[in-house]
Amino acid sequence: MAPASHLVQRAAGALLKLFRSTGNKAWILGTSFLVLAVPLIIEMDREQQLVEFESSQLNALTGQSQPAGATP
């Protein structure tokens, strides 16, 4: 039977390895989200602003008011 200190060292080593691999995976997921998803979110927001702007311009020209989110 192994001494208790050896078991504690093995458990600590395994825990450290788990933390490192979890940290690496979190880093990969976080940077992938920043590179792929954030530009998409920004572009979708710009598109929504453009649609709202065009709708307000159309309303100003025609003198009509449409509910928000309604398509002309």
N, C-alpha and C. Protein backbone atom coordinates (compact mmCIF):
# COMPACT_ATOMS: atom_id res chain seq x y z
N MET A 1 0.85 -1.17 0.00
CA MET A 1 0.00 0.00 0.00
C MET A 1 0.89 1.23 0.00
N ALA A 2 0.56 2.19 -0.80
CA ALA A 2 1.36 3.41 -0.94
C ALA A 2 1.16 4.30 0.28
N PRO A 3 2.21 5.03 0.65
CA PRO A 3 2.06 5.96 1.77
C PRO A 3 1.07 7.07 1.41
N ALA A 4 0.48 7.65 2.44
CA ALA A 4 -0.54 8.69 2.25
C ALA A 4 0.03 9.90 1.53
N SER A 5 1.28 10.25 1.80
CA SER A 5 1.86 11.43 1.14
C SER A 5 1.98 11.22 -0.36
N HIS A 6 2.27 9.99 -0.77
CA HIS A 6 2.36 9.70 -2.20
C HIS A 6 0.99 9.83 -2.87
N LEU A 7 -0.05 9.36 -2.18
CA LEU A 7 -1.40 9.48 -2.72
C LEU A 7 -1.81 10.94 -2.83
N VAL A 8 -1.44 11.75 -1.85
CA VAL A 8 -1.77 13.18 -1.87
C VAL A 8 -1.05 13.86 -3.03
N GLN A 9 0.21 13.50 -3.24
CA GLN A 9 0.98 14.09 -4.35
C GLN A 9 0.36 13.71 -5.70
N ARG A 10 -0.05 12.46 -5.84
CA ARG A 10 -0.67 12.03 -7.09
C ARG A 10 -2.00 12.75 -7.32
N ALA A 11 -2.77 12.90 -6.26
CA ALA A 11 -4.05 13.59 -6.38
C ALA A 11 -3.84 15.06 -6.73
N ALA A 12 -2.84 15.68 -6.11
CA ALA A 12 -2.55 17.09 -6.40
C ALA A 12 -2.08 17.24 -7.84
N GLY A 13 -1.26 16.32 -8.31
CA GLY A 13 -0.80 16.37 -9.70
C GLY A 13 -1.94 16.21 -10.69
N ALA A 14 -2.85 15.29 -10.39
CA ALA A 14 -4.00 15.08 -11.27
C ALA A 14 -4.91 16.31 -11.27
N LEU A 15 -5.09 16.92 -10.10
CA LEU A 15 -5.92 18.11 -10.01
C LEU A 15 -5.29 19.28 -10.78
N LEU A 16 -3.99 19.43 -10.67
CA LEU A 16 -3.29 20.48 -11.41
C LEU A 16 -3.42 20.26 -12.92
N LYS A 17 -3.28 19.02 -13.35
CA LYS A 17 -3.43 18.71 -14.77
C LYS A 17 -4.84 19.02 -15.25
N LEU A 18 -5.83 18.71 -14.43
CA LEU A 18 -7.22 19.00 -14.77
C LEU A 18 -7.44 20.51 -14.91
N PHE A 19 -6.92 21.29 -13.96
CA PHE A 19 -7.06 22.74 -14.02
C PHE A 19 -6.40 23.32 -15.27
N ARG A 20 -5.23 22.81 -15.61
CA ARG A 20 -4.53 23.32 -16.80
C ARG A 20 -5.31 23.01 -18.07
N SER A 21 -5.80 21.79 -18.19
CA SER A 21 -6.53 21.43 -19.41
C SER A 21 -7.85 22.20 -19.50
N THR A 22 -8.51 22.40 -18.36
CA THR A 22 -9.74 23.18 -18.35
C THR A 22 -9.46 24.62 -18.73
N GLY A 23 -8.37 25.17 -18.22
CA GLY A 23 -7.99 26.54 -18.57
C GLY A 23 -7.68 26.69 -20.04
N ASN A 24 -6.98 25.72 -20.59
CA ASN A 24 -6.67 25.76 -22.02
C ASN A 24 -7.93 25.70 -22.87
N LYS A 25 -8.85 24.84 -22.50
CA LYS A 25 -10.10 24.73 -23.26
C LYS A 25 -10.93 25.99 -23.14
N ALA A 26 -10.95 26.59 -21.95
CA ALA A 26 -11.68 27.84 -21.77
C ALA A 26 -11.06 28.95 -22.61
N TRP A 27 -9.74 28.99 -22.69
CA TRP A 27 -9.06 29.99 -23.51
C TRP A 27 -9.43 29.81 -24.99
N ILE A 28 -9.42 28.58 -25.46
CA ILE A 28 -9.75 28.30 -26.86
C ILE A 28 -11.19 28.71 -27.16
N LEU A 29 -12.12 28.33 -26.29
CA LEU A 29 -13.52 28.69 -26.50
C LEU A 29 -13.73 30.20 -26.45
N GLY A 30 -13.08 30.86 -25.50
CA GLY A 30 -13.23 32.31 -25.36
C GLY A 30 -12.70 33.07 -26.56
N THR A 31 -11.51 32.72 -27.01
CA THR A 31 -10.94 33.42 -28.15
C THR A 31 -11.70 33.09 -29.44
N SER A 32 -12.18 31.86 -29.56
CA SER A 32 -12.98 31.51 -30.74
C SER A 32 -14.27 32.32 -30.76
N PHE A 33 -14.89 32.49 -29.60
CA PHE A 33 -16.10 33.31 -29.53
C PHE A 33 -15.81 34.74 -29.94
N LEU A 34 -14.70 35.29 -29.44
CA LEU A 34 -14.36 36.67 -29.79
C LEU A 34 -14.09 36.83 -31.28
N VAL A 35 -13.43 35.87 -31.87
CA VAL A 35 -13.07 35.97 -33.28
C VAL A 35 -14.26 35.71 -34.21
N LEU A 36 -15.12 34.77 -33.85
CA LEU A 36 -16.20 34.36 -34.74
C LEU A 36 -17.55 35.01 -34.42
N ALA A 37 -17.94 35.04 -33.19
CA ALA A 37 -19.30 35.46 -32.85
C ALA A 37 -19.44 36.97 -32.67
N VAL A 38 -18.46 37.63 -32.09
CA VAL A 38 -18.60 39.07 -31.83
C VAL A 38 -18.75 39.86 -33.12
N PRO A 39 -17.95 39.64 -34.16
CA PRO A 39 -18.19 40.38 -35.41
C PRO A 39 -19.58 40.12 -36.00
N LEU A 40 -20.07 38.90 -35.87
CA LEU A 40 -21.42 38.59 -36.35
C LEU A 40 -22.47 39.37 -35.57
N ILE A 41 -22.32 39.45 -34.27
CA ILE A 41 -23.26 40.20 -33.43
C ILE A 41 -23.23 41.67 -33.79
N ILE A 42 -22.04 42.21 -34.00
CA ILE A 42 -21.91 43.63 -34.36
C ILE A 42 -22.57 43.89 -35.72
N GLU A 43 -22.35 43.01 -36.68
CA GLU A 43 -22.94 43.19 -38.01
C GLU A 43 -24.46 43.09 -37.96
N MET A 44 -24.99 42.18 -37.15
CA MET A 44 -26.44 42.07 -37.01
C MET A 44 -27.02 43.34 -36.39
N ASP A 45 -26.31 43.92 -35.43
CA ASP A 45 -26.76 45.16 -34.81
C ASP A 45 -26.75 46.30 -35.83
N ARG A 46 -25.71 46.38 -36.64
CA ARG A 46 -25.64 47.42 -37.68
C ARG A 46 -26.80 47.27 -38.67
N GLU A 47 -27.08 46.03 -39.06
CA GLU A 47 -28.17 45.79 -40.00
C GLU A 47 -29.50 46.22 -39.40
N GLN A 48 -29.71 45.93 -38.12
CA GLN A 48 -30.95 46.33 -37.46
C GLN A 48 -31.06 47.85 -37.40
N GLN A 49 -29.96 48.53 -37.12
CA GLN A 49 -29.97 49.99 -37.09
C GLN A 49 -30.29 50.55 -38.48
N LEU A 50 -29.74 49.95 -39.52
CA LEU A 50 -30.01 50.40 -40.88
C LEU A 50 -31.48 50.22 -41.24
N VAL A 51 -32.06 49.09 -40.87
CA VAL A 51 -33.47 48.85 -41.14
C VAL A 51 -34.33 49.88 -40.41
N GLU A 52 -34.01 50.16 -39.15
CA GLU A 52 -34.76 51.16 -38.39
C GLU A 52 -34.61 52.55 -39.01
N PHE A 53 -33.41 52.88 -39.46
CA PHE A 53 -33.17 54.18 -40.09
C PHE A 53 -33.97 54.31 -41.38
N GLU A 54 -33.92 53.28 -42.22
CA GLU A 54 -34.67 53.31 -43.47
C GLU A 54 -36.17 53.41 -43.21
N SER A 55 -36.64 52.72 -42.21
CA SER A 55 -38.05 52.79 -41.86
C SER A 55 -38.43 54.19 -41.39
N SER A 56 -37.59 54.81 -40.59
CA SER A 56 -37.90 56.17 -40.12
C SER A 56 -37.84 57.16 -41.28
N GLN A 57 -36.92 56.97 -42.22
CA GLN A 57 -36.85 57.84 -43.38
C GLN A 57 -38.10 57.68 -44.26
N LEU A 58 -38.54 56.46 -44.44
CA LEU A 58 -39.75 56.20 -45.22
C LEU A 58 -40.96 56.83 -44.54
N ASN A 59 -41.03 56.72 -43.24
CA ASN A 59 -42.14 57.32 -42.50
C ASN A 59 -42.10 58.83 -42.60
N ALA A 60 -40.92 59.42 -42.59
CA ALA A 60 -40.81 60.87 -42.69
C ALA A 60 -41.24 61.34 -44.07
N LEU A 61 -40.95 60.56 -45.10
CA LEU A 61 -41.32 60.95 -46.46
C LEU A 61 -42.81 60.75 -46.74
N THR A 62 -43.37 59.69 -46.23
CA THR A 62 -44.77 59.39 -46.53
C THR A 62 -45.73 59.94 -45.49
N GLY A 63 -45.23 60.32 -44.34
CA GLY A 63 -46.08 60.84 -43.29
C GLY A 63 -46.88 59.77 -42.57
N GLN A 64 -46.51 58.53 -42.76
CA GLN A 64 -47.21 57.43 -42.10
C GLN A 64 -46.37 56.94 -40.94
N SER A 65 -47.04 56.34 -39.99
CA SER A 65 -46.30 55.71 -38.90
C SER A 65 -46.62 54.23 -38.88
N GLN A 66 -45.58 53.43 -38.74
CA GLN A 66 -45.75 51.99 -38.69
C GLN A 66 -45.27 51.51 -37.32
N PRO A 67 -45.88 50.47 -36.80
CA PRO A 67 -45.40 49.93 -35.53
C PRO A 67 -43.98 49.41 -35.66
N ALA A 68 -43.25 49.45 -34.56
CA ALA A 68 -41.87 48.98 -34.58
C ALA A 68 -41.84 47.51 -34.96
N GLY A 69 -40.93 47.15 -35.84
CA GLY A 69 -40.77 45.78 -36.27
C GLY A 69 -41.65 45.38 -37.43
N ALA A 70 -42.55 46.25 -37.85
CA ALA A 70 -43.41 45.93 -38.99
C ALA A 70 -42.64 46.13 -40.28
N THR A 71 -42.87 45.25 -41.22
CA THR A 71 -42.20 45.37 -42.50
C THR A 71 -43.10 46.12 -43.47
N PRO A 72 -42.54 47.01 -44.26
CA PRO A 72 -43.36 47.79 -45.20
C PRO A 72 -43.84 46.95 -46.36
